Amino acid sequence: MITVKTLAVAIERRLGHSPAEAREEARTVMNYFGFRDTIIDNAIEPEDRKVFYLLSDAGLLQSTWETVPLLDGRNWRIFYWTLDLGAIERWQRDEAEPPEEQVYQSLPAEAWSHPPSAG
């Protein structure tokens, strides 16, 4: 089960946000999800949707949609958000790969120099 704390740790580790910022973002998201792992997009306030897109880009949320026919023959598209439980749990346990910036910062100075090319 994903909790505010679990999601906050995943956000902090995946996006590098401060613990306070990650907790606030996790609270915002989990206030919508409650005990479910999928919600309808219409339930989200427009200003909160930015957090959902941020977490979607980070791979912690997924968005899907379905098209349903209306009685008058038109189609209506319904959008949903789903918690990516596996990704959140991996980031919460710190088993995911570190962000690229951390990988590059860990390289020794010699990695940044190129040998002269034989011409």
PDB file of N, CA and C in Angstrom:
ATOM      1  N   MET A   1       0.838  -1.180   0.000  1.00  0.00           N
ATOM      2  CA  MET A   1       0.000   0.000   0.000  1.00  0.00           C
ATOM      3  C   MET A   1       0.885   1.247   0.000  1.00  0.00           C
ATOM      4  N   ILE A   2       0.544   2.200  -0.816  1.00  0.00           N
ATOM      5  CA  ILE A   2       1.302   3.446  -0.903  1.00  0.00           C
ATOM      6  C   ILE A   2       0.721   4.434   0.111  1.00  0.00           C
ATOM      7  N   THR A   3       1.602   5.018   0.901  1.00  0.00           N
ATOM      8  CA  THR A   3       1.206   6.027   1.883  1.00  0.00           C
ATOM      9  C   THR A   3       1.835   7.355   1.503  1.00  0.00           C
ATOM     10  N   VAL A   4       1.459   8.409   2.200  1.00  0.00           N
ATOM     11  CA  VAL A   4       2.078   9.714   1.963  1.00  0.00           C
ATOM     12  C   VAL A   4       3.582   9.603   2.179  1.00  0.00           C
ATOM     13  N   LYS A   5       3.987   8.924   3.235  1.00  0.00           N
ATOM     14  CA  LYS A   5       5.414   8.786   3.545  1.00  0.00           C
ATOM     15  C   LYS A   5       6.145   8.021   2.442  1.00  0.00           C
ATOM     16  N   THR A   6       5.559   6.920   1.974  1.00  0.00           N
ATOM     17  CA  THR A   6       6.169   6.122   0.910  1.00  0.00           C
ATOM     18  C   THR A   6       6.350   6.950  -0.357  1.00  0.00           C
ATOM     19  N   LEU A   7       5.296   7.642  -0.755  1.00  0.00           N
ATOM     20  CA  LEU A   7       5.374   8.466  -1.958  1.00  0.00           C
ATOM     21  C   LEU A   7       6.345   9.619  -1.773  1.00  0.00           C
ATOM     22  N   ALA A   8       6.363  10.220  -0.600  1.00  0.00           N
ATOM     23  CA  ALA A   8       7.277  11.343  -0.341  1.00  0.00           C
ATOM     24  C   ALA A   8       8.728  10.908  -0.479  1.00  0.00           C
ATOM     25  N   VAL A   9       9.060   9.753   0.056  1.00  0.00           N
ATOM     26  CA  VAL A   9      10.438   9.246  -0.060  1.00  0.00           C
ATOM     27  C   VAL A   9      10.769   8.992  -1.523  1.00  0.00           C
ATOM     28  N   ALA A  10       9.843   8.407  -2.273  1.00  0.00           N
ATOM     29  CA  ALA A  10      10.074   8.156  -3.698  1.00  0.00           C
ATOM     30  C   ALA A  10      10.271   9.463  -4.461  1.00  0.00           C
ATOM     31  N   ILE A  11       9.465  10.468  -4.162  1.00  0.00           N
ATOM     32  CA  ILE A  11       9.595  11.776  -4.821  1.00  0.00           C
ATOM     33  C   ILE A  11      10.936  12.406  -4.475  1.00  0.00           C
ATOM     34  N   GLU A  12      11.291  12.348  -3.218  1.00  0.00           N
ATOM     35  CA  GLU A  12      12.565  12.934  -2.769  1.00  0.00           C
ATOM     36  C   GLU A  12      13.735  12.275  -3.486  1.00  0.00           C
ATOM     37  N   ARG A  13      13.722  10.962  -3.571  1.00  0.00           N
ATOM     38  CA  ARG A  13      14.836  10.245  -4.203  1.00  0.00           C
ATOM     39  C   ARG A  13      14.804  10.353  -5.720  1.00  0.00           C
ATOM     40  N   ARG A  14      13.633  10.312  -6.312  1.00  0.00           N
ATOM     41  CA  ARG A  14      13.537  10.339  -7.780  1.00  0.00           C
ATOM     42  C   ARG A  14      13.769  11.722  -8.350  1.00  0.00           C
ATOM     43  N   LEU A  15      13.212  12.748  -7.682  1.00  0.00           N
ATOM     44  CA  LEU A  15      13.286  14.108  -8.216  1.00  0.00           C
ATOM     45  C   LEU A  15      14.291  15.000  -7.496  1.00  0.00           C
ATOM     46  N   GLY A  16      14.838  14.518  -6.385  1.00  0.00           N
ATOM     47  CA  GLY A  16      15.805  15.318  -5.644  1.00  0.00           C
ATOM     48  C   GLY A  16      15.181  16.479  -4.894  1.00  0.00           C
ATOM     49  N   HIS A  17      13.888  16.405  -4.617  1.00  0.00           N
ATOM     50  CA  HIS A  17      13.220  17.476  -3.881  1.00  0.00           C
ATOM     51  C   HIS A  17      13.551  17.378  -2.399  1.00  0.00           C
ATOM     52  N   SER A  18      13.432  18.487  -1.702  1.00  0.00           N
ATOM     53  CA  SER A  18      13.670  18.488  -0.259  1.00  0.00           C
ATOM     54  C   SER A  18      12.610  17.628   0.419  1.00  0.00           C
ATOM     55  N   PRO A  19      12.893  17.118   1.622  1.00  0.00           N
ATOM     56  CA  PRO A  19      11.891  16.305   2.319  1.00  0.00           C
ATOM     57  C   PRO A  19      10.564  17.043   2.514  1.00  0.00           C
ATOM     58  N   ALA A  20      10.621  18.328   2.846  1.00  0.00           N
ATOM     59  CA  ALA A  20       9.386  19.097   3.059  1.00  0.00           C
ATOM     60  C   ALA A  20       8.597  19.244   1.757  1.00  0.00           C
ATOM     61  N   GLU A  21       9.290  19.554   0.669  1.00  0.00           N
ATOM     62  CA  GLU A  21       8.631  19.709  -0.630  1.00  0.00           C
ATOM     63  C   GLU A  21       8.037  18.372  -1.094  1.00  0.00           C
ATOM     64  N   ALA A  22       8.789  17.290  -0.916  1.00  0.00           N
ATOM     65  CA  ALA A  22       8.311  15.971  -1.318  1.00  0.00           C
ATOM     66  C   ALA A  22       7.084  15.560  -0.502  1.00  0.00           C
ATOM     67  N   ARG A  23       7.090  15.853   0.801  1.00  0.00           N
ATOM     68  CA  ARG A  23       5.930  15.535   1.648  1.00  0.00           C
ATOM     69  C   ARG A  23       4.697  16.297   1.194  1.00  0.00           C
ATOM     70  N   GLU A  24       4.873  17.582   0.867  1.00  0.00           N
ATOM     71  CA  GLU A  24       3.744  18.403   0.418  1.00  0.00           C
ATOM     72  C   GLU A  24       3.184  17.881  -0.900  1.00  0.00           C
ATOM     73  N   GLU A  25       4.065  17.534  -1.835  1.00  0.00           N
ATOM     74  CA  GLU A  25       3.607  16.990  -3.117  1.00  0.00           C
ATOM     75  C   GLU A  25       2.915  15.642  -2.919  1.00  0.00           C
ATOM     76  N   ALA A  26       3.470  14.819  -2.043  1.00  0.00           N
ATOM     77  CA  ALA A  26       2.857  13.516  -1.765  1.00  0.00           C
ATOM     78  C   ALA A  26       1.483  13.689  -1.126  1.00  0.00           C
ATOM     79  N   ARG A  27       1.352  14.629  -0.202  1.00  0.00           N
ATOM     80  CA  ARG A  27       0.042  14.886   0.413  1.00  0.00           C
ATOM     81  C   ARG A  27      -0.974  15.339  -0.629  1.00  0.00           C
ATOM     82  N   THR A  28      -0.536  16.233  -1.517  1.00  0.00           N
ATOM     83  CA  THR A  28      -1.433  16.724  -2.569  1.00  0.00           C
ATOM     84  C   THR A  28      -1.964  15.558  -3.393  1.00  0.00           C
ATOM     85  N   VAL A  29      -1.069  14.685  -3.830  1.00  0.00           N
ATOM     86  CA  VAL A  29      -1.450  13.564  -4.676  1.00  0.00           C
ATOM     87  C   VAL A  29      -2.307  12.559  -3.903  1.00  0.00           C
ATOM     88  N   MET A  30      -1.873  12.189  -2.715  1.00  0.00           N
ATOM     89  CA  MET A  30      -2.579  11.155  -1.951  1.00  0.00           C
ATOM     90  C   MET A  30      -3.935  11.631  -1.441  1.00  0.00           C
ATOM     91  N   ASN A  31      -4.126  12.935  -1.300  1.00  0.00           N
ATOM     92  CA  ASN A  31      -5.451  13.436  -0.944  1.00  0.00           C
ATOM     93  C   ASN A  31      -6.473  13.090  -2.028  1.00  0.00           C
ATOM     94  N   TYR A  32      -6.034  12.991  -3.258  1.00  0.00           N
ATOM     95  CA  TYR A  32      -6.929  12.611  -4.349  1.00  0.00           C
ATOM     96  C   TYR A  32      -7.127  11.094  -4.404  1.00  0.00           C
ATOM     97  N   PHE A  33      -6.042  10.348  -4.227  1.00  0.00           N
ATOM     98  CA  PHE A  33      -6.128   8.902  -4.389  1.00  0.00           C
ATOM     99  C   PHE A  33      -6.773   8.201  -3.197  1.00  0.00           C
ATOM    100  N   GLY A  34      -6.518   8.665  -1.988  1.00  0.00           N
ATOM    101  CA  GLY A  34      -7.063   7.987  -0.815  1.00  0.00           C
ATOM    102  C   GLY A  34      -6.593   6.550  -0.778  1.00  0.00           C
ATOM    103  N   PHE A  35      -7.529   5.603  -0.749  1.00  0.00           N
ATOM    104  CA  PHE A  35      -7.181   4.183  -0.693  1.00  0.00           C
ATOM    105  C   PHE A  35      -7.244   3.510  -2.061  1.00  0.00           C
ATOM    106  N   ARG A  36      -7.358   4.303  -3.107  1.00  0.00           N
ATOM    107  CA  ARG A  36      -7.421   3.750  -4.468  1.00  0.00           C
ATOM    108  C   ARG A  36      -6.081   3.963  -5.163  1.00  0.00           C
ATOM    109  N   ASP A  37      -5.882   3.263  -6.270  1.00  0.00           N
ATOM    110  CA  ASP A  37      -4.663   3.495  -7.042  1.00  0.00           C
ATOM    111  C   ASP A  37      -4.955   4.143  -8.384  1.00  0.00           C
ATOM    112  N   THR A  38      -6.255   4.373  -8.699  1.00  0.00           N
ATOM    113  CA  THR A  38      -6.650   5.050  -9.935  1.00  0.00           C
ATOM    114  C   THR A  38      -7.752   6.057  -9.617  1.00  0.00           C
ATOM    115  N   ILE A  39      -7.638   7.246 -10.218  1.00  0.00           N
ATOM    116  CA  ILE A  39      -8.671   8.272 -10.042  1.00  0.00           C
ATOM    117  C   ILE A  39      -8.978   8.903 -11.388  1.00  0.00           C
ATOM    118  N   ILE A  40     -10.118   9.553 -11.470  1.00  0.00           N
ATOM    119  CA  ILE A  40     -10.515  10.252 -12.688  1.00  0.00           C
ATOM    120  C   ILE A  40      -9.890  11.652 -12.682  1.00  0.00           C
ATOM    121  N   ASP A  41      -9.445  12.085 -13.839  1.00  0.00           N
ATOM    122  CA  ASP A  41      -8.765  13.377 -13.956  1.00  0.00           C
ATOM    123  C   ASP A  41      -9.656  14.553 -13.559  1.00  0.00           C
ATOM    124  N   ASN A  42     -10.963  14.443 -13.795  1.00  0.00           N
ATOM    125  CA  ASN A  42     -11.869  15.557 -13.489  1.00  0.00           C
ATOM    126  C   ASN A  42     -11.868  15.931 -12.015  1.00  0.00           C
ATOM    127  N   ALA A  43     -11.441  15.029 -11.151  1.00  0.00           N
ATOM    128  CA  ALA A  43     -11.433  15.294  -9.704  1.00  0.00           C
ATOM    129  C   ALA A  43     -10.295  16.214  -9.285  1.00  0.00           C
ATOM    130  N   ILE A  44      -9.323  16.419 -10.162  1.00  0.00           N
ATOM    131  CA  ILE A  44      -8.115  17.164  -9.794  1.00  0.00           C
ATOM    132  C   ILE A  44      -8.297  18.652 -10.058  1.00  0.00           C
ATOM    133  N   GLU A  45      -7.926  19.439  -9.064  1.00  0.00           N
ATOM    134  CA  GLU A  45      -7.947  20.891  -9.228  1.00  0.00           C
ATOM    135  C   GLU A  45      -6.873  21.290 -10.249  1.00  0.00           C
ATOM    136  N   PRO A  46      -7.155  22.281 -11.084  1.00  0.00           N
ATOM    137  CA  PRO A  46      -6.189  22.671 -12.122  1.00  0.00           C
ATOM    138  C   PRO A  46      -4.791  23.000 -11.582  1.00  0.00           C
ATOM    139  N   GLU A  47      -4.698  23.661 -10.438  1.00  0.00           N
ATOM    140  CA  GLU A  47      -3.373  24.019  -9.913  1.00  0.00           C
ATOM    141  C   GLU A  47      -2.617  22.794  -9.394  1.00  0.00           C
ATOM    142  N   ASP A  48      -3.329  21.734  -9.009  1.00  0.00           N
ATOM    143  CA  ASP A  48      -2.677  20.504  -8.547  1.00  0.00           C
ATOM    144  C   ASP A  48      -2.235  19.627  -9.704  1.00  0.00           C
ATOM    145  N   ARG A  49      -2.823  19.801 -10.858  1.00  0.00           N
ATOM    146  CA  ARG A  49      -2.513  18.966 -12.014  1.00  0.00           C
ATOM    147  C   ARG A  49      -1.035  19.064 -12.387  1.00  0.00           C
ATOM    148  N   LYS A  50      -0.390  20.196 -12.097  1.00  0.00           N
ATOM    149  CA  LYS A  50       1.044  20.341 -12.393  1.00  0.00           C
ATOM    150  C   LYS A  50       1.856  19.269 -11.667  1.00  0.00           C
ATOM    151  N   VAL A  51       1.500  19.001 -10.409  1.00  0.00           N
ATOM    152  CA  VAL A  51       2.207  17.976  -9.640  1.00  0.00           C
ATOM    153  C   VAL A  51       2.000  16.605 -10.279  1.00  0.00           C
ATOM    154  N   PHE A  52       0.791  16.344 -10.740  1.00  0.00           N
ATOM    155  CA  PHE A  52       0.508  15.066 -11.389  1.00  0.00           C
ATOM    156  C   PHE A  52       1.357  14.901 -12.649  1.00  0.00           C
ATOM    157  N   TYR A  53       1.455  15.934 -13.468  1.00  0.00           N
ATOM    158  CA  TYR A  53       2.285  15.852 -14.678  1.00  0.00           C
ATOM    159  C   TYR A  53       3.762  15.697 -14.320  1.00  0.00           C
ATOM    160  N   LEU A  54       4.223  16.379 -13.287  1.00  0.00           N
ATOM    161  CA  LEU A  54       5.605  16.257 -12.842  1.00  0.00           C
ATOM    162  C   LEU A  54       5.904  14.818 -12.447  1.00  0.00           C
ATOM    163  N   LEU A  55       5.012  14.211 -11.653  1.00  0.00           N
ATOM    164  CA  LEU A  55       5.223  12.836 -11.211  1.00  0.00           C
ATOM    165  C   LEU A  55       5.038  11.839 -12.361  1.00  0.00           C
ATOM    166  N   SER A  56       4.211  12.172 -13.322  1.00  0.00           N
ATOM    167  CA  SER A  56       4.074  11.330 -14.506  1.00  0.00           C
ATOM    168  C   SER A  56       5.370  11.337 -15.312  1.00  0.00           C
ATOM    169  N   ASP A  57       5.944  12.525 -15.508  1.00  0.00           N
ATOM    170  CA  ASP A  57       7.224  12.629 -16.224  1.00  0.00           C
ATOM    171  C   ASP A  57       8.333  11.874 -15.500  1.00  0.00           C
ATOM    172  N   ALA A  58       8.232  11.802 -14.164  1.00  0.00           N
ATOM    173  CA  ALA A  58       9.236  11.101 -13.358  1.00  0.00           C
ATOM    174  C   ALA A  58       8.973   9.600 -13.294  1.00  0.00           C
ATOM    175  N   GLY A  59       7.854   9.145 -13.868  1.00  0.00           N
ATOM    176  CA  GLY A  59       7.551   7.726 -13.883  1.00  0.00           C
ATOM    177  C   GLY A  59       6.881   7.204 -12.623  1.00  0.00           C
ATOM    178  N   LEU A  60       6.360   8.093 -11.782  1.00  0.00           N
ATOM    179  CA  LEU A  60       5.702   7.660 -10.555  1.00  0.00           C
ATOM    180  C   LEU A  60       4.185   7.570 -10.706  1.00  0.00           C
ATOM    181  N   LEU A  61       3.643   8.252 -11.705  1.00  0.00           N
ATOM    182  CA  LEU A  61       2.216   8.185 -12.031  1.00  0.00           C
ATOM    183  C   LEU A  61       2.085   7.879 -13.517  1.00  0.00           C
ATOM    184  N   GLN A  62       0.945   7.308 -13.892  1.00  0.00           N
ATOM    185  CA  GLN A  62       0.659   7.065 -15.296  1.00  0.00           C
ATOM    186  C   GLN A  62      -0.715   7.643 -15.609  1.00  0.00           C
ATOM    187  N   SER A  63      -0.886   8.095 -16.829  1.00  0.00           N
ATOM    188  CA  SER A  63      -2.200   8.576 -17.243  1.00  0.00           C
ATOM    189  C   SER A  63      -2.714   7.667 -18.364  1.00  0.00           C
ATOM    190  N   THR A  64      -4.016   7.438 -18.342  1.00  0.00           N
ATOM    191  CA  THR A  64      -4.671   6.639 -19.368  1.00  0.00           C
ATOM    192  C   THR A  64      -5.991   7.308 -19.710  1.00  0.00           C
ATOM    193  N   TRP A  65      -6.627   6.846 -20.773  1.00  0.00           N
ATOM    194  CA  TRP A  65      -7.926   7.388 -21.141  1.00  0.00           C
ATOM    195  C   TRP A  65      -8.739   6.313 -21.830  1.00  0.00           C
ATOM    196  N   GLU A  66     -10.040   6.524 -21.824  1.00  0.00           N
ATOM    197  CA  GLU A  66     -10.949   5.654 -22.553  1.00  0.00           C
ATOM    198  C   GLU A  66     -11.988   6.537 -23.232  1.00  0.00           C
ATOM    199  N   THR A  67     -12.519   6.041 -24.323  1.00  0.00           N
ATOM    200  CA  THR A  67     -13.562   6.751 -25.052  1.00  0.00           C
ATOM    201  C   THR A  67     -14.870   5.999 -24.869  1.00  0.00           C
ATOM    202  N   VAL A  68     -15.903   6.739 -24.459  1.00  0.00           N
ATOM    203  CA  VAL A  68     -17.224   6.122 -24.266  1.00  0.00           C
ATOM    204  C   VAL A  68     -18.231   6.836 -25.161  1.00  0.00           C
ATOM    205  N   PRO A  69     -19.162   6.089 -25.754  1.00  0.00           N
ATOM    206  CA  PRO A  69     -20.176   6.721 -26.611  1.00  0.00           C
ATOM    207  C   PRO A  69     -21.280   7.365 -25.769  1.00  0.00           C
ATOM    208  N   LEU A  70     -21.708   8.540 -26.185  1.00  0.00           N
ATOM    209  CA  LEU A  70     -22.830   9.217 -25.542  1.00  0.00           C
ATOM    210  C   LEU A  70     -24.114   8.832 -26.267  1.00  0.00           C
ATOM    211  N   LEU A  71     -25.247   9.091 -25.633  1.00  0.00           N
ATOM    212  CA  LEU A  71     -26.539   8.720 -26.226  1.00  0.00           C
ATOM    213  C   LEU A  71     -26.799   9.421 -27.558  1.00  0.00           C
ATOM    214  N   ASP A  72     -26.224  10.619 -27.725  1.00  0.00           N
ATOM    215  CA  ASP A  72     -26.460  11.358 -28.976  1.00  0.00           C
ATOM    216  C   ASP A  72     -25.493  10.957 -30.096  1.00  0.00           C
ATOM    217  N   GLY A  73     -24.682   9.918 -29.867  1.00  0.00           N
ATOM    218  CA  GLY A  73     -23.781   9.433 -30.905  1.00  0.00           C
ATOM    219  C   GLY A  73     -22.364   9.984 -30.816  1.00  0.00           C
ATOM    220  N   ARG A  74     -22.169  11.059 -30.062  1.00  0.00           N
ATOM    221  CA  ARG A  74     -20.813  11.594 -29.903  1.00  0.00           C
ATOM    222  C   ARG A  74     -20.016  10.706 -28.948  1.00  0.00           C
ATOM    223  N   ASN A  75     -18.705  10.857 -28.994  1.00  0.00           N
ATOM    224  CA  ASN A  75     -17.820  10.138 -28.073  1.00  0.00           C
ATOM    225  C   ASN A  75     -17.310  11.091 -27.004  1.00  0.00           C
ATOM    226  N   TRP A  76     -17.121  10.563 -25.817  1.00  0.00           N
ATOM    227  CA  TRP A  76     -16.598  11.331 -24.686  1.00  0.00           C
ATOM    228  C   TRP A  76     -15.346  10.638 -24.200  1.00  0.00           C
ATOM    229  N   ARG A  77     -14.253  11.380 -24.053  1.00  0.00           N
ATOM    230  CA  ARG A  77     -12.987  10.814 -23.602  1.00  0.00           C
ATOM    231  C   ARG A  77     -12.844  11.084 -22.108  1.00  0.00           C
ATOM    232  N   ILE A  78     -12.563  10.032 -21.352  1.00  0.00           N
ATOM    233  CA  ILE A  78     -12.381  10.124 -19.902  1.00  0.00           C
ATOM    234  C   ILE A  78     -10.918   9.815 -19.590  1.00  0.00           C
ATOM    235  N   PHE A  79     -10.277  10.704 -18.850  1.00  0.00           N
ATOM    236  CA  PHE A  79      -8.871  10.551 -18.492  1.00  0.00           C
ATOM    237  C   PHE A  79      -8.749  10.081 -17.052  1.00  0.00           C
ATOM    238  N   TYR A  80      -7.735   9.231 -16.804  1.00  0.00           N
ATOM    239  CA  TYR A  80      -7.491   8.674 -15.474  1.00  0.00           C
ATOM    240  C   TYR A  80      -6.019   8.835 -15.105  1.00  0.00           C
ATOM    241  N   TRP A  81      -5.752   8.851 -13.816  1.00  0.00           N
ATOM    242  CA  TRP A  81      -4.391   8.831 -13.283  1.00  0.00           C
ATOM    243  C   TRP A  81      -4.252   7.580 -12.433  1.00  0.00           C
ATOM    244  N   THR A  82      -3.106   6.890 -12.557  1.00  0.00           N
ATOM    245  CA  THR A  82      -2.839   5.678 -11.793  1.00  0.00           C
ATOM    246  C   THR A  82      -1.472   5.784 -11.139  1.00  0.00           C
ATOM    247  N   LEU A  83      -1.410   5.418  -9.866  1.00  0.00           N
ATOM    248  CA  LEU A  83      -0.123   5.344  -9.176  1.00  0.00           C
ATOM    249  C   LEU A  83       0.665   4.181  -9.763  1.00  0.00           C
ATOM    250  N   ASP A  84       1.934   4.395 -10.088  1.00  0.00           N
ATOM    251  CA  ASP A  84       2.789   3.301 -10.539  1.00  0.00           C
ATOM    252  C   ASP A  84       3.395   2.684  -9.284  1.00  0.00           C
ATOM    253  N   LEU A  85       2.682   1.714  -8.726  1.00  0.00           N
ATOM    254  CA  LEU A  85       3.054   1.138  -7.434  1.00  0.00           C
ATOM    255  C   LEU A  85       4.461   0.563  -7.442  1.00  0.00           C
ATOM    256  N   GLY A  86       4.822  -0.135  -8.503  1.00  0.00           N
ATOM    257  CA  GLY A  86       6.157  -0.732  -8.587  1.00  0.00           C
ATOM    258  C   GLY A  86       7.255   0.312  -8.586  1.00  0.00           C
ATOM    259  N   ALA A  87       7.092   1.358  -9.378  1.00  0.00           N
ATOM    260  CA  ALA A  87       8.110   2.411  -9.441  1.00  0.00           C
ATOM    261  C   ALA A  87       8.222   3.147  -8.111  1.00  0.00           C
ATOM    262  N   ILE A  88       7.085   3.442  -7.493  1.00  0.00           N
ATOM    263  CA  ILE A  88       7.110   4.143  -6.206  1.00  0.00           C
ATOM    264  C   ILE A  88       7.816   3.300  -5.160  1.00  0.00           C
ATOM    265  N   GLU A  89       7.505   2.012  -5.123  1.00  0.00           N
ATOM    266  CA  GLU A  89       8.147   1.139  -4.142  1.00  0.00           C
ATOM    267  C   GLU A  89       9.635   1.000  -4.410  1.00  0.00           C
ATOM    268  N   ARG A  90      10.042   0.910  -5.689  1.00  0.00           N
ATOM    269  CA  ARG A  90      11.475   0.828  -6.007  1.00  0.00           C
ATOM    270  C   ARG A  90      12.212   2.079  -5.553  1.00  0.00           C
ATOM    271  N   TRP A  91      11.643   3.251  -5.841  1.00  0.00           N
ATOM    272  CA  TRP A  91      12.296   4.494  -5.442  1.00  0.00           C
ATOM    273  C   TRP A  91      12.268   4.665  -3.932  1.00  0.00           C
ATOM    274  N   GLN A  92      11.222   4.202  -3.298  1.00  0.00           N
ATOM    275  CA  GLN A  92      11.115   4.303  -1.846  1.00  0.00           C
ATOM    276  C   GLN A  92      12.186   3.434  -1.195  1.00  0.00           C
ATOM    277  N   ARG A  93      12.465   2.262  -1.793  1.00  0.00           N
ATOM    278  CA  ARG A  93      13.503   1.374  -1.256  1.00  0.00           C
ATOM    279  C   ARG A  93      14.878   1.767  -1.760  1.00  0.00           C
ATOM    280  N   ASP A  94      14.957   2.756  -2.618  1.00  0.00           N
ATOM    281  CA  ASP A  94      16.221   3.237  -3.180  1.00  0.00           C
ATOM    282  C   ASP A  94      16.909   2.181  -4.038  1.00  0.00           C
ATOM    283  N   GLU A  95      16.103   1.384  -4.766  1.00  0.00           N
ATOM    284  CA  GLU A  95      16.669   0.381  -5.656  1.00  0.00           C
ATOM    285  C   GLU A  95      16.734   0.859  -7.097  1.00  0.00           C
ATOM    286  N   ALA A  96      16.214   2.030  -7.343  1.00  0.00           N
ATOM    287  CA  ALA A  96      16.212   2.543  -8.714  1.00  0.00           C
ATOM    288  C   ALA A  96      17.568   3.144  -9.036  1.00  0.00           C
ATOM    289  N   GLU A  97      17.809   3.329 -10.315  1.00  0.00           N
ATOM    290  CA  GLU A  97      19.063   3.924 -10.741  1.00  0.00           C
ATOM    291  C   GLU A  97      19.105   5.381 -10.333  1.00  0.00           C
ATOM    292  N   PRO A  98      20.285   5.893  -9.977  1.00  0.00           N
ATOM    293  CA  PRO A  98      20.368   7.305  -9.605  1.00  0.00           C
ATOM    294  C   PRO A  98      20.150   8.196 -10.822  1.00  0.00           C
ATOM    295  N   PRO A  99      19.675   9.424 -10.596  1.00  0.00           N
ATOM    296  CA  PRO A  99      19.525  10.350 -11.717  1.00  0.00           C
ATOM    297  C   PRO A  99      20.857  10.556 -12.434  1.00  0.00           C
ATOM    298  N   GLU A 100      20.785  10.891 -13.722  1.00  0.00           N
ATOM    299  CA  GLU A 100      21.997  11.058 -14.525  1.00  0.00           C
ATOM    300  C   GLU A 100      22.985  12.035 -13.902  1.00  0.00           C
ATOM    301  N   GLU A 101      22.479  13.121 -13.313  1.00  0.00           N
ATOM    302  CA  GLU A 101      23.382  14.123 -12.754  1.00  0.00           C
ATOM    303  C   GLU A 101      24.296  13.499 -11.715  1.00  0.00           C
ATOM    304  N   GLN A 102      23.772  12.595 -10.892  1.00  0.00           N
ATOM    305  CA  GLN A 102      24.578  11.958  -9.862  1.00  0.00           C
ATOM    306  C   GLN A 102      25.616  11.038 -10.484  1.00  0.00           C
ATOM    307  N   VAL A 103      25.254  10.369 -11.561  1.00  0.00           N
ATOM    308  CA  VAL A 103      26.198   9.494 -12.237  1.00  0.00           C
ATOM    309  C   VAL A 103      27.363  10.318 -12.774  1.00  0.00           C
ATOM    310  N   TYR A 104      27.079  11.423 -13.444  1.00  0.00           N
ATOM    311  CA  TYR A 104      28.136  12.250 -14.005  1.00  0.00           C
ATOM    312  C   TYR A 104      29.000  12.878 -12.928  1.00  0.00           C
ATOM    313  N   GLN A 105      28.410  13.276 -11.816  1.00  0.00           N
ATOM    314  CA  GLN A 105      29.190  13.881 -10.737  1.00  0.00           C
ATOM    315  C   GLN A 105      30.141  12.877 -10.103  1.00  0.00           C
ATOM    316  N   SER A 106      29.833  11.599 -10.212  1.00  0.00           N
ATOM    317  CA  SER A 106      30.669  10.583  -9.581  1.00  0.00           C
ATOM    318  C   SER A 106      31.879  10.189 -10.440  1.00  0.00           C
ATOM    319  N   LEU A 107      31.926  10.656 -11.690  1.00  0.00           N
ATOM    320  CA  LEU A 107      33.045  10.313 -12.572  1.00  0.00           C
ATOM    321  C   LEU A 107      34.307  11.071 -12.170  1.00  0.00           C
ATOM    322  N   PRO A 108      35.473  10.420 -12.291  1.00  0.00           N
ATOM    323  CA  PRO A 108      36.730  11.113 -11.973  1.00  0.00           C
ATOM    324  C   PRO A 108      37.057  12.151 -13.047  1.00  0.00           C
ATOM    325  N   ALA A 109      37.917  13.083 -12.727  1.00  0.00           N
ATOM    326  CA  ALA A 109      38.280  14.168 -13.642  1.00  0.00           C
ATOM    327  C   ALA A 109      38.836  13.636 -14.959  1.00  0.00           C
ATOM    328  N   GLU A 110      39.549  12.489 -14.925  1.00  0.00           N
ATOM    329  CA  GLU A 110      40.127  11.934 -16.145  1.00  0.00           C
ATOM    330  C   GLU A 110      39.049  11.537 -17.160  1.00  0.00           C
ATOM    331  N   ALA A 111      37.868  11.257 -16.694  1.00  0.00           N
ATOM    332  CA  ALA A 111      36.795  10.842 -17.605  1.00  0.00           C
ATOM    333  C   ALA A 111      36.369  11.983 -18.514  1.00  0.00           C
ATOM    334  N   TRP A 112      36.686  13.199 -18.155  1.00  0.00           N
ATOM    335  CA  TRP A 112      36.241  14.340 -18.931  1.00  0.00           C
ATOM    336  C   TRP A 112      37.266  14.824 -19.951  1.00  0.00           C
ATOM    337  N   SER A 113      38.424  14.184 -20.006  1.00  0.00           N
ATOM    338  CA  SER A 113      39.432  14.599 -20.988  1.00  0.00           C
ATOM    339  C   SER A 113      39.496  13.559 -22.101  1.00  0.00           C
ATOM    340  N   HIS A 114      39.698  14.018 -23.301  1.00  0.00           N
ATOM    341  CA  HIS A 114      39.779  13.143 -24.463  1.00  0.00           C
ATOM    342  C   HIS A 114      41.238  13.038 -24.889  1.00  0.00           C
ATOM    343  N   PRO A 115      41.713  11.844 -25.223  1.00  0.00           N
ATOM    344  CA  PRO A 115      43.086  11.710 -25.732  1.00  0.00           C
ATOM    345  C   PRO A 115      43.154  12.328 -27.123  1.00  0.00           C
ATOM    346  N   PRO A 116      44.301  12.848 -27.509  1.00  0.00           N
ATOM    347  CA  PRO A 116      44.424  13.416 -28.860  1.00  0.00           C
ATOM    348  C   PRO A 116      44.153  12.343 -29.910  1.00  0.00           C
ATOM    349  N   SER A 117      43.458  12.735 -30.950  1.00  0.00           N
ATOM    350  CA  SER A 117      43.155  11.756 -32.000  1.00  0.00           C
ATOM    351  C   SER A 117      44.363  11.597 -32.919  1.00  0.00           C
ATOM    352  N   ALA A 118      44.534  10.381 -33.379  1.00  0.00           N
ATOM    353  CA  ALA A 118      45.641  10.103 -34.309  1.00  0.00           C
ATOM    354  C   ALA A 118      45.157  10.472 -35.703  1.00  0.00           C
ATOM    355  N   GLY A 119      45.744  11.448 -36.271  1.00  0.00           N
ATOM    356  CA  GLY A 119      45.246  12.025 -37.441  1.00  0.00           C
ATOM    357  C   GLY A 119      45.687  11.690 -38.738  1.00  0.00           C
TER     358      GLY A 119
END
